[in-house]
Amino acid sequence: MKPRISAWRGVSFIMMGALAFYTVTGIIYSESALAITHFTFTAER
């Protein structure tokens, strides 16, 4: 019973880490895409 609980804790910890990593990567990607589009708009003018 105890190993199963520890395994679930490890899986949940990995899921939380993956979710946080995915969120941070998505924020950075959206910010860079927004900056690139803004830069192209200012460069065309």
C-alpha atoms as a PDB file:
ATOM      1  CA  MET A   1       0.000   0.000   0.000  1.00  0.00           C
ATOM      2  CA  LYS A   2       2.799   2.401   0.856  1.00  0.00           C
ATOM      3  CA  PRO A   3       4.786   1.985  -2.430  1.00  0.00           C
ATOM      4  CA  ARG A   4       1.621   2.651  -4.429  1.00  0.00           C
ATOM      5  CA  ILE A   5       1.061   5.951  -2.600  1.00  0.00           C
ATOM      6  CA  SER A   6       4.683   6.990  -3.134  1.00  0.00           C
ATOM      7  CA  ALA A   7       4.422   6.047  -6.826  1.00  0.00           C
ATOM      8  CA  TRP A   8       1.279   8.150  -7.217  1.00  0.00           C
ATOM      9  CA  ARG A   9       3.044  11.017  -5.451  1.00  0.00           C
ATOM     10  CA  GLY A  10       5.958  10.760  -7.904  1.00  0.00           C
ATOM     11  CA  VAL A  11       3.602  10.644 -10.883  1.00  0.00           C
ATOM     12  CA  SER A  12       1.663  13.670  -9.639  1.00  0.00           C
ATOM     13  CA  PHE A  13       4.953  15.513  -9.024  1.00  0.00           C
ATOM     14  CA  ILE A  14       6.111  14.731 -12.582  1.00  0.00           C
ATOM     15  CA  MET A  15       2.742  15.871 -13.953  1.00  0.00           C
ATOM     16  CA  MET A  16       2.973  19.148 -12.007  1.00  0.00           C
ATOM     17  CA  GLY A  17       6.519  19.720 -13.274  1.00  0.00           C
ATOM     18  CA  ALA A  18       5.500  18.982 -16.860  1.00  0.00           C
ATOM     19  CA  LEU A  19       2.484  21.288 -16.562  1.00  0.00           C
ATOM     20  CA  ALA A  20       4.609  24.119 -15.143  1.00  0.00           C
ATOM     21  CA  PHE A  21       7.256  23.598 -17.845  1.00  0.00           C
ATOM     22  CA  TYR A  22       4.570  23.573 -20.563  1.00  0.00           C
ATOM     23  CA  THR A  23       2.992  26.749 -19.169  1.00  0.00           C
ATOM     24  CA  VAL A  24       6.321  28.608 -18.958  1.00  0.00           C
ATOM     25  CA  THR A  25       7.304  27.466 -22.462  1.00  0.00           C
ATOM     26  CA  GLY A  26       3.924  28.547 -23.835  1.00  0.00           C
ATOM     27  CA  ILE A  27       4.222  31.978 -22.189  1.00  0.00           C
ATOM     28  CA  ILE A  28       7.747  32.490 -23.559  1.00  0.00           C
ATOM     29  CA  TYR A  29       6.687  31.292 -27.026  1.00  0.00           C
ATOM     30  CA  SER A  30       3.632  33.580 -27.119  1.00  0.00           C
ATOM     31  CA  GLU A  31       5.696  36.533 -25.879  1.00  0.00           C
ATOM     32  CA  SER A  32       8.392  35.950 -28.524  1.00  0.00           C
ATOM     33  CA  ALA A  33       5.754  35.543 -31.264  1.00  0.00           C
ATOM     34  CA  LEU A  34       4.077  38.779 -30.146  1.00  0.00           C
ATOM     35  CA  ALA A  35       7.434  40.595 -30.136  1.00  0.00           C
ATOM     36  CA  ILE A  36       8.295  39.257 -33.610  1.00  0.00           C
ATOM     37  CA  THR A  37       4.948  40.386 -35.044  1.00  0.00           C
ATOM     38  CA  HIS A  38       5.337  43.805 -33.390  1.00  0.00           C
ATOM     39  CA  PHE A  39       8.890  44.085 -34.745  1.00  0.00           C
ATOM     40  CA  THR A  40       7.741  43.242 -38.284  1.00  0.00           C
ATOM     41  CA  PHE A  41       4.931  45.791 -38.035  1.00  0.00           C
ATOM     42  CA  THR A  42       7.341  48.514 -36.909  1.00  0.00           C
ATOM     43  CA  ALA A  43       9.930  47.467 -39.518  1.00  0.00           C
ATOM     44  CA  GLU A  44       7.410  47.709 -42.374  1.00  0.00           C
ATOM     45  CA  ARG A  45       6.490  51.258 -41.377  1.00  0.00           C
END
